[in-house]
Protein backbone atom coordinates (compact mmCIF):
# COMPACT_ATOMS: atom_id res chain seq x y z
CA MET A 1 1.39 -15.19 -20.68
CA LEU A 2 -1.96 -13.78 -22.16
CA THR A 3 -2.04 -11.11 -24.27
CA ALA A 4 -5.63 -8.66 -24.91
CA ASN A 5 -6.57 -7.58 -28.60
CA PHE A 6 -7.06 -4.09 -27.43
CA PRO A 7 -4.32 -2.21 -25.16
CA TYR A 8 -5.88 -2.03 -21.94
CA LEU A 9 -3.25 -1.07 -19.84
CA THR A 10 -1.69 1.42 -22.04
CA ALA A 11 -4.73 3.23 -22.04
CA ILE A 12 -5.30 2.90 -18.35
CA ILE A 13 -2.12 4.16 -17.95
CA LEU A 14 -2.35 6.87 -20.09
CA PHE A 15 -5.37 7.93 -20.49
CA PRO A 16 -5.71 9.85 -16.99
CA ILE A 17 -2.37 11.42 -17.66
CA ALA A 18 -3.27 12.87 -21.20
CA ALA A 19 -6.31 14.39 -19.75
CA SER A 20 -4.61 16.14 -17.28
CA LEU A 21 -2.85 18.24 -19.87
CA LEU A 22 -6.36 19.48 -20.80
CA ILE A 23 -6.69 21.15 -18.04
CA PRO A 24 -4.83 24.35 -18.04
CA ILE A 25 -6.98 24.82 -21.12
CA ILE A 26 -10.33 24.15 -19.40
CA PRO A 27 -12.57 27.67 -19.08
CA ASP A 28 -13.00 27.86 -15.10
CA LYS A 29 -12.82 30.71 -12.91
CA ASP A 30 -13.64 29.34 -9.57
CA GLY A 31 -12.19 25.61 -9.96
CA LYS A 32 -15.64 24.19 -10.28
CA THR A 33 -15.32 22.86 -13.73
CA VAL A 34 -11.92 21.31 -13.34
CA ARG A 35 -12.86 19.31 -10.53
CA TRP A 36 -16.27 17.78 -12.21
CA TYR A 37 -13.71 17.32 -15.46
CA SER A 38 -11.12 15.30 -12.99
CA LEU A 39 -13.56 13.47 -11.56
CA ILE A 40 -15.34 12.15 -14.61
CA VAL A 41 -11.74 11.33 -16.10
CA GLY A 42 -11.31 9.39 -12.56
CA LEU A 43 -14.35 7.69 -13.23
CA ILE A 44 -13.95 6.50 -16.30
CA ASP A 45 -10.68 5.18 -15.76
CA PHE A 46 -11.74 3.03 -13.35
CA ALA A 47 -14.70 1.93 -15.19
CA LEU A 48 -12.37 1.06 -17.80
CA ILE A 49 -10.26 -0.68 -15.14
CA VAL A 50 -13.61 -2.88 -13.82
CA TYR A 51 -14.45 -3.94 -17.35
CA ALA A 52 -10.95 -5.36 -18.03
CA PHE A 53 -10.85 -6.85 -15.42
CA TYR A 54 -14.30 -8.91 -15.65
CA THR A 55 -13.84 -9.20 -19.44
CA GLN A 56 -10.20 -10.22 -19.99
CA TYR A 57 -8.65 -11.25 -16.33
CA ASP A 58 -8.49 -14.86 -15.75
CA PHE A 59 -8.98 -16.08 -12.11
CA SER A 60 -7.45 -19.26 -12.44
CA SER A 61 -4.11 -18.39 -14.30
CA PRO A 62 -1.03 -17.50 -12.74
CA GLU A 63 0.48 -15.96 -15.63
CA LEU A 64 1.19 -12.50 -17.09
CA GLN A 65 -2.48 -11.32 -18.68
CA LEU A 66 -2.94 -8.25 -20.72
CA PHE A 67 0.59 -8.37 -21.47
CA GLU A 68 1.53 -5.37 -24.10
CA ARG A 69 5.09 -4.85 -25.44
CA TYR A 70 6.16 -2.17 -27.73
CA ALA A 71 9.67 -1.46 -28.86
CA TRP A 72 11.47 1.62 -27.10
CA VAL A 73 14.94 1.21 -27.58
CA PRO A 74 15.60 -2.24 -29.28
CA ALA A 75 19.50 -2.37 -28.75
CA LEU A 76 19.13 -1.95 -25.09
CA ASP A 77 16.01 -4.73 -25.34
CA LEU A 78 13.95 -1.65 -23.32
CA ASN A 79 10.66 -1.50 -23.87
CA TRP A 80 6.71 -0.37 -23.12
CA SER A 81 6.29 -3.78 -21.40
CA VAL A 82 3.13 -4.00 -19.28
CA GLY A 83 0.94 -6.38 -18.14
CA VAL A 84 -0.79 -8.03 -14.75
CA ASP A 85 -1.18 -11.08 -12.94
CA GLY A 86 -2.66 -12.02 -9.49
CA LEU A 87 -0.02 -9.95 -7.63
CA SER A 88 -0.42 -6.58 -9.41
CA MET A 89 -4.11 -6.64 -10.51
CA PRO A 90 -5.70 -6.09 -6.80
CA LEU A 91 -3.66 -3.14 -6.38
CA VAL A 92 -4.55 -1.97 -9.45
CA ILE A 93 -8.19 -1.94 -8.94
CA LEU A 94 -6.98 -0.20 -5.50
CA THR A 95 -5.77 2.15 -7.11
CA GLY A 96 -8.45 2.93 -9.37
CA PHE A 97 -10.63 3.10 -6.49
CA ILE A 98 -9.00 5.09 -4.22
CA THR A 99 -7.48 7.81 -6.06
CA THR A 100 -11.78 8.18 -8.18
CA LEU A 101 -12.14 8.86 -4.07
CA ALA A 102 -9.67 11.09 -3.23
CA ILE A 103 -10.57 13.30 -6.27
CA LEU A 104 -13.81 13.56 -4.52
CA ALA A 105 -12.22 13.88 -1.08
CA ALA A 106 -10.50 17.00 -3.09
CA TRP A 107 -13.67 18.66 -3.40
CA PRO A 108 -13.08 21.95 -0.98
CA VAL A 109 -9.63 22.50 -1.96
CA THR A 110 -10.25 26.69 -4.01
CA PHE A 111 -6.13 27.22 -3.94
CA LYS A 112 -5.09 26.56 -7.52
CA PRO A 113 -7.35 23.85 -8.35
CA ARG A 114 -5.87 23.63 -12.05
CA LEU A 115 -2.57 22.32 -10.42
CA PHE A 116 -4.35 20.21 -7.68
CA TYR A 117 -6.24 18.14 -10.10
CA PHE A 118 -3.50 17.89 -12.61
CA LEU A 119 -1.00 16.57 -10.44
CA MET A 120 -3.95 13.99 -9.00
CA LEU A 121 -4.75 12.89 -12.88
CA VAL A 122 -0.92 12.17 -13.17
CA MET A 123 -0.44 10.45 -9.93
CA TYR A 124 -3.28 8.62 -10.84
CA GLY A 125 -1.72 7.13 -14.13
CA GLY A 126 1.73 6.94 -12.57
CA GLN A 127 0.54 4.93 -9.64
CA ILE A 128 -1.07 2.20 -12.11
CA ALA A 129 2.05 2.08 -13.98
CA VAL A 130 4.17 1.07 -11.37
CA PHE A 131 2.07 -1.99 -10.71
CA ALA A 132 1.70 -2.90 -14.67
CA VAL A 133 4.89 -2.49 -15.88
CA GLN A 134 7.35 -5.43 -16.81
CA ASP A 135 10.41 -3.64 -17.64
CA MET A 136 13.10 -2.59 -14.98
CA LEU A 137 14.15 0.37 -16.29
CA LEU A 138 10.44 1.24 -16.62
CA PHE A 139 9.85 0.56 -13.47
CA PHE A 140 12.59 2.68 -11.93
CA LEU A 141 11.26 5.48 -14.30
CA THR A 142 7.34 5.11 -13.29
CA TRP A 143 8.41 4.54 -9.67
CA GLU A 144 10.42 7.96 -9.98
CA LEU A 145 7.27 9.55 -11.41
CA GLU A 146 5.03 9.57 -8.41
CA LEU A 147 7.46 11.59 -6.61
CA ILE A 148 7.24 15.28 -8.17
CA PRO A 149 3.36 15.17 -7.75
CA ILE A 150 3.67 14.34 -4.08
CA TYR A 151 6.28 16.49 -3.38
CA LEU A 152 4.42 19.24 -4.69
CA LEU A 153 0.98 18.39 -3.10
CA LEU A 154 2.76 18.14 0.06
CA SER A 155 4.55 21.62 -0.18
CA ILE A 156 1.96 23.66 -1.64
CA TRP A 157 -1.32 22.40 -0.17
CA GLY A 158 0.46 21.29 3.16
CA GLY A 159 0.15 22.11 6.89
CA LYS A 160 3.00 24.86 8.55
CA LYS A 161 5.65 22.51 8.42
CA ARG A 162 4.95 21.39 4.60
CA LEU A 163 8.41 22.13 3.33
CA TYR A 164 10.06 20.58 6.15
CA ALA A 165 7.43 17.17 5.23
CA ALA A 166 8.01 17.46 1.56
CA THR A 167 11.63 18.04 1.52
CA LYS A 168 12.33 14.49 3.67
CA PHE A 169 9.85 12.55 1.79
CA ILE A 170 11.55 13.52 -1.41
CA LEU A 171 15.54 12.50 -0.05
CA TYR A 172 14.37 9.62 1.67
CA THR A 173 12.52 8.33 -1.31
CA ALA A 174 14.59 9.28 -3.93
CA GLY A 175 17.25 8.31 -2.01
CA GLY A 176 15.76 4.90 -1.65
CA SER A 177 15.23 5.15 -5.64
CA LEU A 178 18.53 4.74 -6.39
CA PHE A 179 19.50 1.56 -4.64
CA ILE A 180 16.91 0.50 -7.04
CA LEU A 181 18.65 1.80 -10.26
CA VAL A 182 22.00 0.52 -9.57
CA ALA A 183 20.47 -3.10 -8.28
CA GLY A 184 18.34 -3.37 -11.46
CA LEU A 185 21.39 -2.41 -13.40
CA ALA A 186 23.60 -5.32 -11.96
CA MET A 187 20.81 -7.45 -13.03
CA ALA A 188 20.28 -6.61 -16.18
CA PHE A 189 23.96 -6.43 -17.24
CA TYR A 190 24.60 -9.56 -15.67
CA GLY A 191 25.87 -12.91 -17.84
CA ASP A 192 25.69 -13.34 -21.09
CA THR A 193 22.80 -10.78 -22.48
CA VAL A 194 21.80 -7.57 -21.19
CA THR A 195 18.00 -7.53 -20.73
CA PHE A 196 15.45 -5.12 -18.47
CA ASP A 197 12.50 -7.44 -19.23
CA MET A 198 11.40 -8.46 -15.46
CA ARG A 199 10.72 -12.22 -16.73
CA ALA A 200 13.75 -12.67 -18.30
CA LEU A 201 15.72 -11.32 -15.12
CA ALA A 202 13.66 -13.69 -13.17
CA ALA A 203 14.70 -16.48 -15.51
CA LYS A 204 18.53 -16.10 -15.08
CA SER A 205 20.37 -18.03 -12.65
CA TYR A 206 22.41 -15.60 -9.92
CA PRO A 207 25.10 -16.74 -7.76
CA LEU A 208 23.57 -16.34 -4.05
CA VAL A 209 26.53 -13.55 -3.11
CA PHE A 210 25.22 -11.59 -6.07
CA GLN A 211 21.63 -12.41 -5.19
CA LEU A 212 22.23 -10.72 -1.31
CA TRP A 213 23.86 -7.73 -3.07
CA VAL A 214 20.98 -7.22 -5.43
CA TYR A 215 18.23 -7.92 -2.59
CA THR A 216 20.17 -5.51 0.08
CA GLY A 217 19.60 -3.14 -2.92
CA PHE A 218 15.66 -3.71 -3.36
CA LEU A 219 15.19 -3.78 0.24
CA ILE A 220 16.57 -0.26 1.13
CA ALA A 221 14.50 1.37 -1.26
CA TYR A 222 10.83 -0.99 -0.74
CA ALA A 223 11.95 -0.24 3.14
CA VAL A 224 11.55 3.40 2.26
CA LYS A 225 8.62 2.90 0.99
CA LEU A 226 6.43 0.50 2.94
CA PRO A 227 7.77 1.28 5.30
CA ILE A 228 10.07 -0.69 7.68
CA ILE A 229 11.71 0.85 10.67
CA PRO A 230 13.97 2.30 10.70
CA LEU A 231 13.81 3.83 7.48
CA HIS A 232 10.19 5.18 8.34
CA THR A 233 10.54 8.39 10.07
CA TRP A 234 9.28 10.30 7.29
CA LEU A 235 5.90 9.02 6.83
CA PRO A 236 4.72 10.82 10.22
CA ASP A 237 6.07 13.96 8.87
CA ALA A 238 4.30 13.52 5.65
CA HIS A 239 0.80 12.76 7.27
CA GLY A 240 1.17 15.15 9.72
CA GLU A 241 1.37 17.90 6.87
CA ALA A 242 -0.83 16.31 4.39
CA THR A 243 -4.52 17.21 3.15
CA ALA A 244 -7.07 14.41 3.49
CA PRO A 245 -7.01 13.59 -0.60
CA VAL A 246 -3.10 13.32 -0.05
CA HIS A 247 -3.62 11.07 3.07
CA MET A 248 -5.86 9.04 1.03
CA LEU A 249 -3.02 8.33 -2.02
CA LEU A 250 -0.22 7.80 0.92
CA ALA A 251 -1.74 5.63 2.96
CA GLY A 252 -3.86 3.92 0.47
CA ILE A 253 -1.83 3.59 -2.58
CA LEU A 254 1.83 4.78 -1.71
CA LEU A 255 2.44 2.11 0.79
CA LYS A 256 1.55 -0.78 -1.16
CA MET A 257 3.95 0.26 -3.63
CA GLY A 258 6.49 -1.09 -1.37
CA GLY A 259 5.15 -4.22 -0.45
CA TYR A 260 4.32 -5.38 -3.93
CA ALA A 261 7.80 -4.56 -5.37
CA LEU A 262 9.36 -6.87 -2.42
CA ILE A 263 7.08 -9.64 -3.44
CA ARG A 264 7.51 -8.81 -7.17
CA MET A 265 11.13 -8.39 -7.12
CA ASN A 266 12.92 -9.70 -3.44
CA ALA A 267 10.83 -12.87 -3.28
CA GLU A 268 10.02 -13.60 -6.98
CA MET A 269 13.18 -12.72 -8.67
CA LEU A 270 16.01 -13.30 -6.32
CA PRO A 271 14.46 -16.82 -4.24
CA ALA A 272 17.97 -17.84 -2.58
CA ALA A 273 18.56 -14.42 -1.35
CA HIS A 274 14.84 -14.28 -0.02
CA ALA A 275 15.27 -17.62 1.94
CA THR A 276 18.16 -16.13 3.75
CA VAL A 277 17.03 -13.14 4.23
CA ALA A 278 13.16 -13.83 5.19
CA PRO A 279 13.87 -14.41 9.36
CA ALA A 280 14.76 -11.02 9.02
CA LEU A 281 12.33 -9.65 7.54
CA VAL A 282 10.12 -11.59 9.87
CA ILE A 283 12.15 -9.59 13.02
CA LEU A 284 11.63 -6.49 11.18
CA GLY A 285 7.73 -7.33 10.67
CA VAL A 286 7.39 -7.89 14.65
CA VAL A 287 9.21 -4.66 15.11
CA ASN A 288 7.24 -2.69 13.41
CA ILE A 289 4.15 -4.31 14.62
CA ILE A 290 4.94 -2.95 18.63
CA TYR A 291 7.32 -0.15 17.95
CA ALA A 292 4.72 1.28 15.92
CA ALA A 293 1.86 0.41 17.87
CA LEU A 294 3.25 1.96 21.35
CA THR A 295 4.73 5.13 19.56
CA SER A 296 0.68 5.64 18.11
CA PHE A 297 -0.54 4.96 21.79
CA ALA A 298 1.75 8.01 22.84
CA GLN A 299 1.21 10.51 20.31
CA ARG A 300 -1.12 13.43 20.72
CA ASN A 301 -1.06 14.60 17.51
CA LEU A 302 -4.57 12.90 15.51
CA LYS A 303 -2.43 12.58 12.06
CA ARG A 304 0.72 11.31 13.65
CA LYS A 305 -1.26 8.52 15.69
CA ILE A 306 -2.86 6.93 12.68
CA ALA A 307 0.40 7.38 10.85
CA TYR A 308 2.24 4.75 13.26
CA SER A 309 -0.69 2.70 13.44
CA SER A 310 -0.16 2.15 9.22
CA ILE A 311 3.64 1.49 10.19
CA SER A 312 2.36 -1.02 12.62
CA HIS A 313 0.02 -2.63 10.34
CA MET A 314 2.38 -2.75 7.59
CA GLY A 315 4.63 -5.07 9.57
CA PHE A 316 1.87 -7.89 9.13
CA VAL A 317 2.77 -7.48 5.72
CA LEU A 318 6.84 -8.59 6.05
CA ILE A 319 5.44 -11.84 8.35
CA GLY A 320 3.41 -12.56 5.69
CA ILE A 321 5.94 -12.27 2.66
CA ALA A 322 8.47 -14.27 4.71
CA SER A 323 6.24 -17.12 5.61
CA PHE A 324 6.61 -19.64 3.08
CA THR A 325 3.42 -20.76 2.88
CA ASP A 326 0.25 -19.98 0.81
CA LEU A 327 -1.75 -18.64 3.65
CA GLY A 328 0.76 -16.30 4.83
CA LEU A 329 1.59 -14.88 1.41
CA SER A 330 -2.09 -14.44 0.65
CA GLY A 331 -2.56 -12.90 3.96
CA ALA A 332 0.01 -10.07 3.17
CA VAL A 333 -1.65 -9.36 -0.21
CA LEU A 334 -4.66 -9.30 1.57
CA GLN A 335 -3.01 -6.92 4.08
CA MET A 336 -2.19 -4.42 1.54
CA VAL A 337 -5.35 -4.18 -0.14
CA SER A 338 -7.28 -4.08 3.13
CA HIS A 339 -4.92 -1.60 5.37
CA GLY A 340 -5.75 0.60 1.51
CA LEU A 341 -9.32 0.94 2.35
CA ILE A 342 -9.28 1.48 5.73
CA GLY A 343 -6.26 3.74 6.12
CA ALA A 344 -7.77 5.85 3.33
CA SER A 345 -11.13 6.25 5.10
CA LEU A 346 -9.36 7.15 8.65
CA PHE A 347 -6.91 9.59 6.97
CA PHE A 348 -10.04 11.02 5.18
CA LEU A 349 -12.05 11.18 8.77
CA VAL A 350 -9.16 12.77 10.09
CA GLY A 351 -9.50 15.42 7.47
CA ALA A 352 -13.02 15.88 7.97
CA THR A 353 -12.41 16.15 11.93
CA TYR A 354 -9.76 18.67 11.17
CA ASP A 355 -12.11 20.95 9.12
CA ARG A 356 -14.39 21.43 11.62
CA THR A 357 -12.52 21.55 14.71
CA HIS A 358 -9.59 23.23 13.30
CA THR A 359 -7.26 21.34 15.51
CA LEU A 360 -5.09 17.80 15.77
CA MET A 361 -4.40 17.71 19.02
CA LEU A 362 -6.31 15.41 21.43
CA ASP A 363 -5.73 17.24 24.35
CA GLU A 364 -7.80 20.26 22.70
CA MET A 365 -10.99 18.04 21.45
CA GLY A 366 -13.65 16.18 23.71
CA GLY A 367 -17.28 16.13 23.57
CA VAL A 368 -18.30 16.56 19.95
CA GLY A 369 -20.10 13.14 19.27
CA LYS A 370 -23.31 14.85 19.98
CA GLN A 371 -22.80 17.74 17.54
CA MET A 372 -21.36 15.21 15.07
CA PRO A 373 -23.27 11.55 14.95
CA ARG A 374 -22.60 10.78 11.49
CA ILE A 375 -18.78 11.66 11.48
CA PHE A 376 -18.53 9.84 15.08
CA SER A 377 -20.36 6.45 13.52
CA MET A 378 -18.40 6.48 10.75
CA PHE A 379 -14.53 7.13 12.77
CA THR A 380 -15.77 4.49 15.01
CA ALA A 381 -17.01 2.16 12.72
CA CYS A 382 -13.36 2.42 10.60
CA SER A 383 -11.63 2.19 13.84
CA LEU A 384 -13.49 -0.81 14.55
CA ALA A 385 -11.94 -2.00 10.91
CA SER A 386 -8.44 -0.75 12.13
CA LEU A 387 -8.76 -2.82 15.34
CA ALA A 388 -9.34 -5.83 13.29
CA LEU A 389 -12.86 -6.55 14.39
CA PRO A 390 -14.43 -10.06 13.13
CA GLY A 391 -16.62 -9.38 10.25
CA MET A 392 -14.09 -6.73 8.84
CA SER A 393 -11.54 -7.42 6.25
CA GLY A 394 -8.48 -6.58 8.59
CA PHE A 395 -9.48 -9.23 10.78
CA VAL A 396 -9.38 -11.74 8.02
CA ALA A 397 -5.83 -10.64 6.74
CA GLU A 398 -4.28 -10.28 10.03
CA LEU A 399 -5.71 -14.11 10.82
CA MET A 400 -4.65 -15.25 7.54
CA VAL A 401 -0.66 -14.17 8.14
CA PHE A 402 -0.94 -15.42 11.95
CA VAL A 403 -1.85 -18.99 10.92
CA GLY A 404 0.16 -18.75 7.77
CA PHE A 405 3.23 -18.38 9.63
CA ALA A 406 2.54 -20.62 12.64
CA THR A 407 1.68 -23.60 10.48
CA SER A 408 5.07 -22.71 8.28
CA ASP A 409 7.59 -25.31 8.31
CA ALA A 410 10.46 -23.09 7.36
CA TYR A 411 11.22 -21.74 11.10
CA GLY A 412 11.66 -23.88 14.48
CA MET A 413 8.46 -23.84 16.67
CA THR A 414 10.42 -21.87 19.33
CA PHE A 415 10.86 -19.03 16.64
CA ARG A 416 7.23 -19.26 15.78
CA ILE A 417 5.97 -18.67 19.20
CA ILE A 418 7.96 -15.91 20.19
CA VAL A 419 6.81 -14.23 16.66
CA VAL A 420 3.11 -15.30 17.44
CA GLY A 421 2.98 -14.26 20.74
CA LEU A 422 4.74 -10.38 19.97
CA ALA A 423 2.69 -9.83 17.16
CA ALA A 424 -0.23 -10.50 19.30
CA ILE A 425 0.93 -7.97 21.51
CA GLY A 426 0.65 -5.32 18.43
CA VAL A 427 -2.59 -6.52 18.05
CA ILE A 428 -3.58 -6.03 21.79
CA LEU A 429 -2.21 -2.69 21.66
CA THR A 430 -4.36 -1.14 18.50
CA PRO A 431 -7.60 -1.29 20.24
CA ILE A 432 -6.58 0.27 23.46
CA TYR A 433 -4.81 3.25 21.07
CA LEU A 434 -7.59 3.26 18.46
CA LEU A 435 -10.37 3.29 21.21
CA SER A 436 -8.95 5.73 23.67
CA MET A 437 -8.75 8.04 20.74
CA LEU A 438 -12.40 7.93 20.03
CA ARG A 439 -13.27 8.72 23.70
CA GLU A 440 -10.83 11.92 23.78
CA ILE A 441 -12.24 13.48 20.24
CA PHE A 442 -16.18 12.48 20.70
CA TYR A 443 -16.56 11.45 24.48
CA GLY A 444 -15.99 13.39 27.53
CA PRO A 445 -16.72 17.05 28.72
CA GLU A 446 -17.03 19.46 25.50
CA ASN A 447 -14.25 22.01 24.83
CA LYS A 448 -16.28 25.60 25.08
CA GLU A 449 -13.17 27.10 23.16
CA LEU A 450 -13.39 24.35 20.39
CA THR A 451 -17.65 25.15 19.96
CA SER A 452 -17.56 28.67 21.15
CA HIS A 453 -17.19 30.24 17.78
CA GLU A 454 -19.14 28.03 15.59
CA LYS A 455 -21.41 25.33 15.48
CA LEU A 456 -19.58 22.31 14.75
CA VAL A 457 -21.29 20.80 11.56
CA ASP A 458 -21.89 16.95 10.81
CA ALA A 459 -20.90 15.10 7.68
CA GLU A 460 -22.31 16.60 4.51
CA PRO A 461 -23.61 13.76 2.15
CA ARG A 462 -20.18 13.85 0.13
CA GLU A 463 -18.37 12.83 2.59
CA VAL A 464 -21.18 9.88 3.80
CA PHE A 465 -20.61 8.64 0.29
CA ILE A 466 -16.75 8.49 0.67
CA ILE A 467 -17.06 6.33 3.74
CA ALA A 468 -20.06 4.16 2.68
CA SER A 469 -17.64 3.51 -0.58
CA LEU A 470 -15.21 2.29 1.18
CA LEU A 471 -16.50 0.44 3.88
CA VAL A 472 -18.42 -1.42 1.45
CA PRO A 473 -15.82 -3.86 -0.05
CA ILE A 474 -14.29 -3.90 4.25
CA ILE A 475 -17.02 -5.29 5.13
CA GLY A 476 -17.72 -7.63 2.07
CA ILE A 477 -13.90 -8.49 2.53
CA GLY A 478 -14.91 -9.31 6.20
CA PHE A 479 -17.61 -11.85 5.53
CA TYR A 480 -16.43 -13.32 2.23
CA PRO A 481 -12.55 -12.84 1.95
CA LYS A 482 -12.97 -15.00 -1.39
CA LEU A 483 -14.32 -11.83 -3.28
CA LEU A 484 -10.60 -10.69 -3.33
CA THR A 485 -8.37 -14.01 -2.63
CA GLN A 486 -9.86 -15.66 -5.90
CA ILE A 487 -8.20 -12.64 -7.98
CA TYR A 488 -4.44 -13.84 -7.01
CA ASP A 489 -4.55 -17.37 -4.78
CA SER A 490 -3.59 -19.10 -8.35
CA LYS A 491 -0.40 -16.54 -8.35
CA THR A 492 0.37 -16.92 -4.46
CA VAL A 493 0.71 -20.77 -5.02
CA SER A 494 2.68 -20.86 -7.72
CA LEU A 495 5.08 -18.17 -5.82
CA THR A 496 5.46 -20.34 -2.92
CA ALA A 497 5.77 -23.73 -4.78
CA ARG A 498 8.35 -21.72 -6.96
CA LEU A 499 10.47 -20.60 -3.59
CA ARG A 500 10.04 -24.26 -1.86
CA ALA A 501 11.43 -25.43 -4.97
CA GLU A 502 13.78 -23.56 -6.05
CA VAL A 503 15.21 -22.89 -2.23
CA PRO A 504 15.39 -26.71 -0.74
CA THR A 505 16.99 -25.60 2.61
CA ILE A 506 15.77 -22.58 4.82
CA ALA A 507 17.75 -22.28 8.19
CA LYS A 508 15.44 -23.45 11.31
CA LEU A 509 15.97 -21.13 14.19
CA ASN A 510 16.06 -21.91 17.93
CA ASP A 511 15.11 -25.52 17.86
CA ALA A 512 18.21 -26.68 15.56
CA PRO A 513 21.68 -25.60 14.15
CA ALA A 514 20.90 -27.96 11.03
CA LEU A 515 18.89 -26.78 7.69
CA ALA A 516 15.22 -28.07 7.34
CA SER A 517 15.03 -30.56 4.99
CA LYS A 518 13.63 -31.02 1.04
CA GLU A 519 11.23 -33.21 2.37
CA ALA A 520 10.27 -31.08 5.36
CA LEU A 521 9.51 -27.72 3.28
CA SER A 522 7.52 -30.07 0.71
CA ALA A 523 5.06 -30.61 2.93
CA PRO A 524 1.43 -29.78 3.12
CA GLU A 525 0.65 -26.66 4.44
CA ILE A 526 -2.90 -25.77 6.06
CA ARG A 527 -4.84 -23.41 3.11
């Protein structure tokens, strides 16, 4: 565990929240001052994240770094405890990057701009806190913190059905959060000592039955956030009514909270239960990939089509987490970051297209490529990234998950072949629905009703800058994955080794009724 001399993480978390409190007193009539102020705050916080990462973070160490701990309620061992490692640092960087771009994407917001940017800055600090806190009760509180801003952003600035979507979001996520509280308290009070410290909780020895109950509680909560079918129905509704900046936060960051927590708590803290439940996670991942891809293919609403595409892509995260290989787990983390970048770019472009066409229905679009060539080019590039074109980050992430699971000795050969084959169907469906989407929007005969009232305006420099900023890491990671994987390799290798060492037997499926031997599980794997 490496402790920094300066409280970097506390500053990174609290700075945007504290800065948001000044928004009500900033002199401003039309919202222009407030938006510039919010953007500067976002840039300063992101610069602090980058500085802390490059000067204080050690790639080679799997241990907790930039650790800070301050007493809060000593009687319960409840502390302000924050730190990052290979699982959380990439997501902290992603959060700062996406949220800053989302603030820039919110430039056209003119309705209640003070409240809007206040909520954006509160979200900034709250999202980073989820990835950084190392205290279970504090984790629950920060997990809850981001619910209220998203609810307000949906219910005030959303579409026609915004209240329905916002209410459904809060019911699903708040209901799931109760399982985090109950499971966390069960772990904290188990045994002779009461503690909420995540490292201490991970070091406790729990019987398998207890682990399975706690694991199930966590899984329900994180299944809502990831989301895992059938607890996914809030997401298409939320995306269907959200504005472009809120889309970017939902797709770019909030879904990653579920994947992160699933690795951090279910896999790292409850390894025996994870080994027992892992085959079910693989099956759920395959269902996510195929069902959501087919549903996306059938959608005529552009936002809902991309929303179901996001659900499909998160299925690869589940398979990677349950692979029990360094490569598969590494692919899962890479997929989370990759999808955060790609999902944010696609939803921003959906918002930009809607601002011009005033419709989300594909049946009402067509032939706008000639009038909006820059938006057409950017939409095409981001769609190619989403369908995992070689040279893009999505291709590398999905390939790592495929190869990691295919070479895993934790499952029988028949099961691996079936899973890889079914997941490949989802990979085939993705380009079909994405390319058909591009065709319906930009090609074909022009819809005269769409363009009869006003000429469609192409992308402005601000929009080009946002997409270019997202495409640079998407392409950079695609050509040089080590740019990202070196940040977390030591952690994923350490976690996989712990799972193999502490869980000597994992059920073989289909090929043999007997359990896999400890020697088989310790065999070398392809990395």
